[in-house]
């Protein structure tokens, strides 16, 4: 005994009808949030990424203000490896020279950090 499948389809539309229904610029463009929605109501779908370059004894983004879920990428050009540590003592991660360390901040708060090998390399990430 076989199983049959019956599919009903409408005839294909001509190209002119398709181009009138979906304009290429509309199909490919990103939708902007409704202006009537307040900042508090707007929910971000994708996390933002921020780059913080460490050069010499400083970070070019000493103070970053981000949202929960955002990612900070520390990019090292300091001539030595560095263990980035939060002021609480929790290790953020190991950052080899000429490499990148990424960290996703999921909870609101103020996160002071520094390099264990050179405490002049420091900064703060504010998540709100």
N, C-alpha and C. Protein backbone atom coordinates (compact mmCIF):
# COMPACT_ATOMS: atom_id res chain seq x y z
N UNK A 1 0.84 -1.16 0.00
CA UNK A 1 0.00 0.00 0.00
C UNK A 1 0.89 1.24 0.00
N UNK A 2 0.62 2.17 -0.90
CA UNK A 2 1.42 3.38 -1.00
C UNK A 2 0.71 4.56 -0.36
N UNK A 3 1.48 5.57 -0.05
CA UNK A 3 0.94 6.80 0.50
C UNK A 3 1.05 7.87 -0.56
N UNK A 4 -0.05 8.56 -0.80
CA UNK A 4 -0.03 9.61 -1.82
C UNK A 4 -0.01 10.98 -1.17
N UNK A 5 0.54 11.94 -1.89
CA UNK A 5 0.61 13.31 -1.41
C UNK A 5 0.03 14.20 -2.50
N UNK A 6 -0.95 14.97 -2.15
CA UNK A 6 -1.59 15.86 -3.09
C UNK A 6 -1.26 17.29 -2.69
N UNK A 7 -0.63 18.02 -3.61
CA UNK A 7 -0.24 19.40 -3.34
C UNK A 7 -0.93 20.28 -4.36
N UNK A 8 -1.60 21.32 -3.87
CA UNK A 8 -2.26 22.26 -4.77
C UNK A 8 -1.45 23.54 -4.80
N UNK A 9 -1.14 24.00 -5.98
CA UNK A 9 -0.35 25.22 -6.13
C UNK A 9 -1.04 26.16 -7.09
N UNK A 10 -0.84 27.44 -6.86
CA UNK A 10 -1.35 28.41 -7.84
C UNK A 10 -0.28 28.60 -8.90
N UNK A 11 -0.67 29.04 -10.08
CA UNK A 11 0.31 29.23 -11.14
C UNK A 11 1.33 30.30 -10.74
N UNK A 12 2.57 30.19 -11.23
CA UNK A 12 3.60 31.16 -10.86
C UNK A 12 3.22 32.56 -11.34
N UNK A 13 3.56 33.56 -10.53
CA UNK A 13 3.30 34.95 -10.91
C UNK A 13 4.36 35.40 -11.91
N UNK A 14 4.00 36.35 -12.73
CA UNK A 14 4.99 36.86 -13.67
C UNK A 14 5.96 37.79 -12.95
N UNK A 15 7.11 38.10 -13.57
CA UNK A 15 8.16 38.88 -12.94
C UNK A 15 7.68 40.28 -12.57
N UNK A 16 6.82 40.88 -13.38
CA UNK A 16 6.35 42.22 -13.10
C UNK A 16 5.57 42.27 -11.79
N UNK A 17 4.74 41.27 -11.54
CA UNK A 17 3.97 41.21 -10.30
C UNK A 17 4.90 41.05 -9.11
N UNK A 18 5.91 40.19 -9.23
CA UNK A 18 6.84 39.97 -8.14
C UNK A 18 7.60 41.25 -7.83
N UNK A 19 8.09 41.96 -8.82
CA UNK A 19 8.87 43.17 -8.56
C UNK A 19 8.01 44.26 -7.95
N UNK A 20 6.71 44.27 -8.23
CA UNK A 20 5.85 45.27 -7.62
C UNK A 20 5.55 44.91 -6.17
N UNK A 21 5.50 43.61 -5.85
CA UNK A 21 5.19 43.18 -4.50
C UNK A 21 6.35 43.42 -3.54
N UNK A 22 7.56 43.14 -3.98
CA UNK A 22 8.72 43.26 -3.11
C UNK A 22 9.80 44.06 -3.84
N UNK A 23 9.99 45.28 -3.42
CA UNK A 23 11.05 46.10 -4.01
C UNK A 23 12.38 45.65 -3.43
N UNK A 24 13.44 45.50 -4.25
CA UNK A 24 14.73 45.01 -3.75
C UNK A 24 15.26 45.81 -2.58
N UNK A 25 15.13 47.15 -2.61
CA UNK A 25 15.68 47.94 -1.52
C UNK A 25 14.93 47.69 -0.22
N UNK A 26 13.66 47.35 -0.29
CA UNK A 26 12.87 47.04 0.91
C UNK A 26 13.24 45.66 1.43
N UNK A 27 13.40 44.71 0.53
CA UNK A 27 13.69 43.34 0.93
C UNK A 27 15.05 43.22 1.61
N UNK A 28 16.02 44.04 1.22
CA UNK A 28 17.37 43.92 1.75
C UNK A 28 17.67 44.90 2.87
N UNK A 29 16.86 45.94 3.04
CA UNK A 29 17.18 46.96 4.04
C UNK A 29 16.78 46.48 5.43
N UNK A 30 17.50 47.01 6.43
CA UNK A 30 17.20 46.68 7.82
C UNK A 30 16.06 47.57 8.29
N UNK A 31 15.10 46.97 8.98
CA UNK A 31 13.99 47.76 9.49
C UNK A 31 14.44 48.57 10.69
N UNK A 32 14.03 49.82 10.73
CA UNK A 32 14.34 50.69 11.85
C UNK A 32 13.26 50.56 12.91
N UNK A 33 13.62 50.77 14.17
CA UNK A 33 12.61 50.66 15.22
C UNK A 33 11.55 51.75 15.06
N UNK A 34 10.37 51.44 15.50
CA UNK A 34 9.25 52.38 15.46
C UNK A 34 9.59 53.56 16.37
N UNK A 35 9.50 54.79 15.83
CA UNK A 35 9.87 55.97 16.60
C UNK A 35 8.95 56.21 17.79
N UNK A 36 7.76 55.62 17.76
CA UNK A 36 6.83 55.81 18.88
C UNK A 36 7.19 54.92 20.07
N UNK A 37 8.15 54.01 19.89
CA UNK A 37 8.56 53.12 20.97
C UNK A 37 9.68 53.80 21.75
N UNK A 38 9.54 53.87 23.07
CA UNK A 38 10.56 54.52 23.89
C UNK A 38 11.80 53.63 23.99
N UNK A 39 12.91 54.23 24.43
CA UNK A 39 14.15 53.48 24.59
C UNK A 39 13.97 52.33 25.57
N UNK A 40 13.15 52.53 26.59
CA UNK A 40 12.94 51.48 27.59
C UNK A 40 12.21 50.28 27.00
N UNK A 41 11.34 50.54 26.00
CA UNK A 41 10.55 49.46 25.40
C UNK A 41 11.30 48.74 24.28
N UNK A 42 12.29 49.42 23.69
CA UNK A 42 13.02 48.84 22.56
C UNK A 42 13.94 47.73 23.05
N UNK A 43 13.82 46.58 22.47
CA UNK A 43 14.64 45.44 22.86
C UNK A 43 15.61 45.15 21.72
N UNK A 44 16.89 45.11 22.05
CA UNK A 44 17.92 44.85 21.07
C UNK A 44 17.96 43.35 20.77
N UNK A 45 18.01 42.99 19.50
CA UNK A 45 18.04 41.59 19.11
C UNK A 45 19.46 41.06 19.11
N UNK A 46 20.40 41.84 18.60
CA UNK A 46 21.78 41.38 18.48
C UNK A 46 22.66 42.18 19.44
N UNK A 47 23.63 41.53 20.07
CA UNK A 47 24.52 42.29 20.95
C UNK A 47 25.44 43.20 20.14
N UNK A 48 25.79 44.31 20.73
CA UNK A 48 26.77 45.23 20.14
C UNK A 48 28.15 44.72 20.51
N UNK A 49 29.14 45.06 19.70
CA UNK A 49 30.52 44.74 20.02
C UNK A 49 31.32 46.03 20.07
N UNK A 50 32.20 46.13 21.06
CA UNK A 50 33.04 47.31 21.25
C UNK A 50 34.49 46.86 21.27
N UNK A 51 35.36 47.61 20.60
CA UNK A 51 36.79 47.31 20.60
C UNK A 51 37.51 48.27 21.53
N UNK A 52 38.37 47.72 22.38
CA UNK A 52 39.20 48.51 23.28
C UNK A 52 40.65 48.13 22.99
N UNK A 53 41.41 49.07 22.46
CA UNK A 53 42.80 48.82 22.08
C UNK A 53 43.71 49.14 23.25
N UNK A 54 44.57 48.18 23.60
CA UNK A 54 45.55 48.38 24.66
C UNK A 54 46.89 48.64 23.98
N UNK A 55 47.39 49.86 24.15
CA UNK A 55 48.66 50.25 23.54
C UNK A 55 49.52 50.89 24.62
N UNK A 56 50.74 50.39 24.76
CA UNK A 56 51.60 50.93 25.81
C UNK A 56 51.00 50.64 27.17
N UNK A 57 50.81 51.70 27.97
CA UNK A 57 50.26 51.54 29.32
C UNK A 57 48.83 52.03 29.45
N UNK A 58 48.07 52.07 28.34
CA UNK A 58 46.71 52.59 28.45
C UNK A 58 45.75 51.86 27.53
N UNK A 59 44.46 52.06 27.82
CA UNK A 59 43.38 51.51 27.01
C UNK A 59 42.67 52.69 26.37
N UNK A 60 42.46 52.64 25.05
CA UNK A 60 41.84 53.78 24.37
C UNK A 60 40.39 53.98 24.77
N UNK A 61 39.74 52.97 25.28
CA UNK A 61 38.36 53.06 25.76
C UNK A 61 38.39 52.81 27.26
N UNK A 62 38.92 53.78 28.03
CA UNK A 62 39.04 53.59 29.49
C UNK A 62 37.68 53.33 30.11
N UNK A 63 36.65 54.05 29.64
CA UNK A 63 35.29 53.91 30.20
C UNK A 63 34.35 53.55 29.07
N UNK A 64 33.72 52.40 29.17
CA UNK A 64 32.75 51.96 28.19
C UNK A 64 31.39 51.82 28.85
N UNK A 65 30.35 52.34 28.21
CA UNK A 65 28.99 52.16 28.69
C UNK A 65 28.25 51.29 27.67
N UNK A 66 27.79 50.13 28.12
CA UNK A 66 27.19 49.15 27.23
C UNK A 66 25.88 48.62 27.82
N UNK A 67 25.22 47.75 27.09
CA UNK A 67 23.98 47.11 27.53
C UNK A 67 24.27 45.64 27.87
N UNK A 68 23.42 45.02 28.71
CA UNK A 68 23.60 43.59 28.99
C UNK A 68 23.58 42.78 27.68
N UNK A 69 24.49 41.84 27.57
CA UNK A 69 24.60 41.02 26.38
C UNK A 69 25.65 41.51 25.40
N UNK A 70 26.10 42.77 25.56
CA UNK A 70 27.11 43.32 24.65
C UNK A 70 28.47 42.68 24.93
N UNK A 71 29.35 42.78 23.94
CA UNK A 71 30.67 42.16 23.99
C UNK A 71 31.75 43.23 23.85
N UNK A 72 32.78 43.12 24.68
CA UNK A 72 33.95 43.99 24.56
C UNK A 72 35.11 43.14 24.08
N UNK A 73 35.80 43.63 23.05
CA UNK A 73 36.98 42.97 22.50
C UNK A 73 38.21 43.78 22.89
N UNK A 74 39.07 43.22 23.73
CA UNK A 74 40.32 43.90 24.06
C UNK A 74 41.37 43.43 23.07
N UNK A 75 42.03 44.37 22.42
CA UNK A 75 43.02 44.07 21.40
C UNK A 75 44.37 44.57 21.92
N UNK A 76 45.32 43.65 22.05
CA UNK A 76 46.59 43.96 22.71
C UNK A 76 47.69 44.34 21.72
N UNK A 77 48.40 45.40 22.08
CA UNK A 77 49.62 45.80 21.37
C UNK A 77 50.53 46.44 22.41
N UNK A 78 50.85 45.64 23.46
CA UNK A 78 51.60 46.20 24.59
C UNK A 78 53.00 45.59 24.75
N UNK A 79 53.33 44.61 23.94
CA UNK A 79 54.67 44.04 24.01
C UNK A 79 54.83 42.90 25.00
N UNK A 80 53.76 42.56 25.72
CA UNK A 80 53.81 41.42 26.65
C UNK A 80 52.39 40.89 26.83
N UNK A 81 52.31 39.67 27.35
CA UNK A 81 51.01 39.07 27.62
C UNK A 81 50.41 39.70 28.88
N UNK A 82 49.10 39.54 29.01
CA UNK A 82 48.41 40.21 30.12
C UNK A 82 47.24 39.34 30.58
N UNK A 83 47.09 39.20 31.90
CA UNK A 83 45.91 38.56 32.47
C UNK A 83 44.99 39.68 32.91
N UNK A 84 43.84 39.84 32.22
CA UNK A 84 42.88 40.86 32.62
C UNK A 84 42.04 40.33 33.76
N UNK A 85 41.94 41.14 34.81
CA UNK A 85 41.28 40.72 36.05
C UNK A 85 40.31 41.81 36.48
N UNK A 86 39.15 41.40 36.98
CA UNK A 86 38.22 42.34 37.56
C UNK A 86 38.72 42.74 38.94
N UNK A 87 38.33 43.92 39.39
CA UNK A 87 38.72 44.41 40.71
C UNK A 87 38.31 43.43 41.81
N UNK A 88 37.26 42.65 41.57
CA UNK A 88 36.81 41.64 42.54
C UNK A 88 37.77 40.47 42.67
N UNK A 89 38.73 40.37 41.74
CA UNK A 89 39.69 39.27 41.75
C UNK A 89 39.38 38.20 40.73
N UNK A 90 38.17 38.23 40.18
CA UNK A 90 37.79 37.24 39.15
C UNK A 90 38.57 37.51 37.87
N UNK A 91 39.13 36.46 37.30
CA UNK A 91 39.88 36.60 36.06
C UNK A 91 38.94 36.72 34.88
N UNK A 92 39.17 37.74 34.06
CA UNK A 92 38.39 37.91 32.84
C UNK A 92 38.94 36.99 31.76
N UNK A 93 40.27 36.92 31.68
CA UNK A 93 40.89 36.04 30.71
C UNK A 93 42.31 36.45 30.39
N UNK A 94 43.00 35.55 29.74
CA UNK A 94 44.39 35.73 29.35
C UNK A 94 44.45 36.38 27.98
N UNK A 95 45.22 37.45 27.85
CA UNK A 95 45.34 38.19 26.60
C UNK A 95 46.80 38.18 26.14
N UNK A 96 47.15 37.30 25.20
CA UNK A 96 48.51 37.32 24.65
C UNK A 96 48.74 38.59 23.84
N UNK A 97 49.98 39.05 23.80
CA UNK A 97 50.32 40.22 23.00
C UNK A 97 49.95 39.98 21.54
N UNK A 98 49.44 41.01 20.88
CA UNK A 98 49.02 40.98 19.48
C UNK A 98 47.80 40.09 19.23
N UNK A 99 47.04 39.80 20.28
CA UNK A 99 45.84 38.98 20.16
C UNK A 99 44.62 39.75 20.67
N UNK A 100 43.46 39.11 20.62
CA UNK A 100 42.21 39.71 21.07
C UNK A 100 41.54 38.82 22.11
N UNK A 101 41.01 39.45 23.16
CA UNK A 101 40.23 38.76 24.18
C UNK A 101 38.83 39.36 24.16
N UNK A 102 37.82 38.51 24.00
CA UNK A 102 36.43 38.98 23.98
C UNK A 102 35.72 38.53 25.25
N UNK A 103 34.86 39.42 25.79
CA UNK A 103 34.12 39.11 27.00
C UNK A 103 32.71 39.64 26.85
N UNK A 104 31.72 38.79 27.12
CA UNK A 104 30.32 39.18 27.05
C UNK A 104 29.81 39.52 28.44
N UNK A 105 29.27 40.72 28.59
CA UNK A 105 28.74 41.18 29.88
C UNK A 105 27.24 40.93 29.90
N UNK A 106 26.79 40.06 30.79
CA UNK A 106 25.38 39.67 30.81
C UNK A 106 24.58 40.34 31.90
N UNK A 107 25.25 40.84 32.94
CA UNK A 107 24.54 41.44 34.07
C UNK A 107 24.91 42.90 34.22
N UNK A 108 23.93 43.70 34.65
CA UNK A 108 24.17 45.11 34.89
C UNK A 108 25.15 45.29 36.05
N UNK A 109 25.91 46.40 35.99
CA UNK A 109 26.85 46.71 37.06
C UNK A 109 28.03 47.49 36.53
N UNK A 110 28.94 47.83 37.44
CA UNK A 110 30.18 48.49 37.08
C UNK A 110 31.31 47.49 37.25
N UNK A 111 32.07 47.30 36.20
CA UNK A 111 33.15 46.30 36.18
C UNK A 111 34.48 47.02 36.00
N UNK A 112 35.22 47.18 37.10
CA UNK A 112 36.56 47.75 37.04
C UNK A 112 37.52 46.60 36.73
N UNK A 113 38.45 46.83 35.84
CA UNK A 113 39.39 45.78 35.48
C UNK A 113 40.79 46.35 35.35
N UNK A 114 41.78 45.46 35.39
CA UNK A 114 43.17 45.87 35.22
C UNK A 114 43.98 44.67 34.72
N UNK A 115 45.18 44.94 34.28
CA UNK A 115 46.12 43.90 33.85
C UNK A 115 46.97 43.52 35.07
N UNK A 116 47.03 42.24 35.40
CA UNK A 116 47.82 41.79 36.55
C UNK A 116 49.29 42.15 36.41
N UNK A 117 49.80 42.09 35.20
CA UNK A 117 51.22 42.33 34.96
C UNK A 117 51.57 43.82 34.95
N UNK A 118 50.57 44.69 34.73
CA UNK A 118 50.81 46.12 34.67
C UNK A 118 49.52 46.83 35.05
N UNK A 119 49.38 47.18 36.34
CA UNK A 119 48.11 47.74 36.80
C UNK A 119 47.83 49.15 36.28
N UNK A 120 48.77 49.74 35.53
CA UNK A 120 48.48 51.02 34.86
C UNK A 120 47.50 50.80 33.71
N UNK A 121 47.43 49.58 33.22
CA UNK A 121 46.46 49.22 32.18
C UNK A 121 45.18 48.85 32.91
N UNK A 122 44.20 49.75 32.85
CA UNK A 122 42.97 49.53 33.59
C UNK A 122 41.82 50.27 32.92
N UNK A 123 40.62 49.96 33.38
CA UNK A 123 39.45 50.63 32.83
C UNK A 123 38.20 50.21 33.58
N UNK A 124 37.08 50.70 33.06
CA UNK A 124 35.79 50.37 33.66
C UNK A 124 34.77 50.14 32.55
N UNK A 125 33.95 49.12 32.74
CA UNK A 125 32.84 48.84 31.84
C UNK A 125 31.57 48.99 32.67
N UNK A 126 30.69 49.87 32.21
CA UNK A 126 29.42 50.09 32.91
C UNK A 126 28.32 49.46 32.07
N UNK A 127 27.63 48.50 32.66
CA UNK A 127 26.57 47.77 31.97
C UNK A 127 25.25 48.22 32.58
N UNK A 128 24.40 48.87 31.74
CA UNK A 128 23.09 49.31 32.21
C UNK A 128 22.03 49.19 31.15
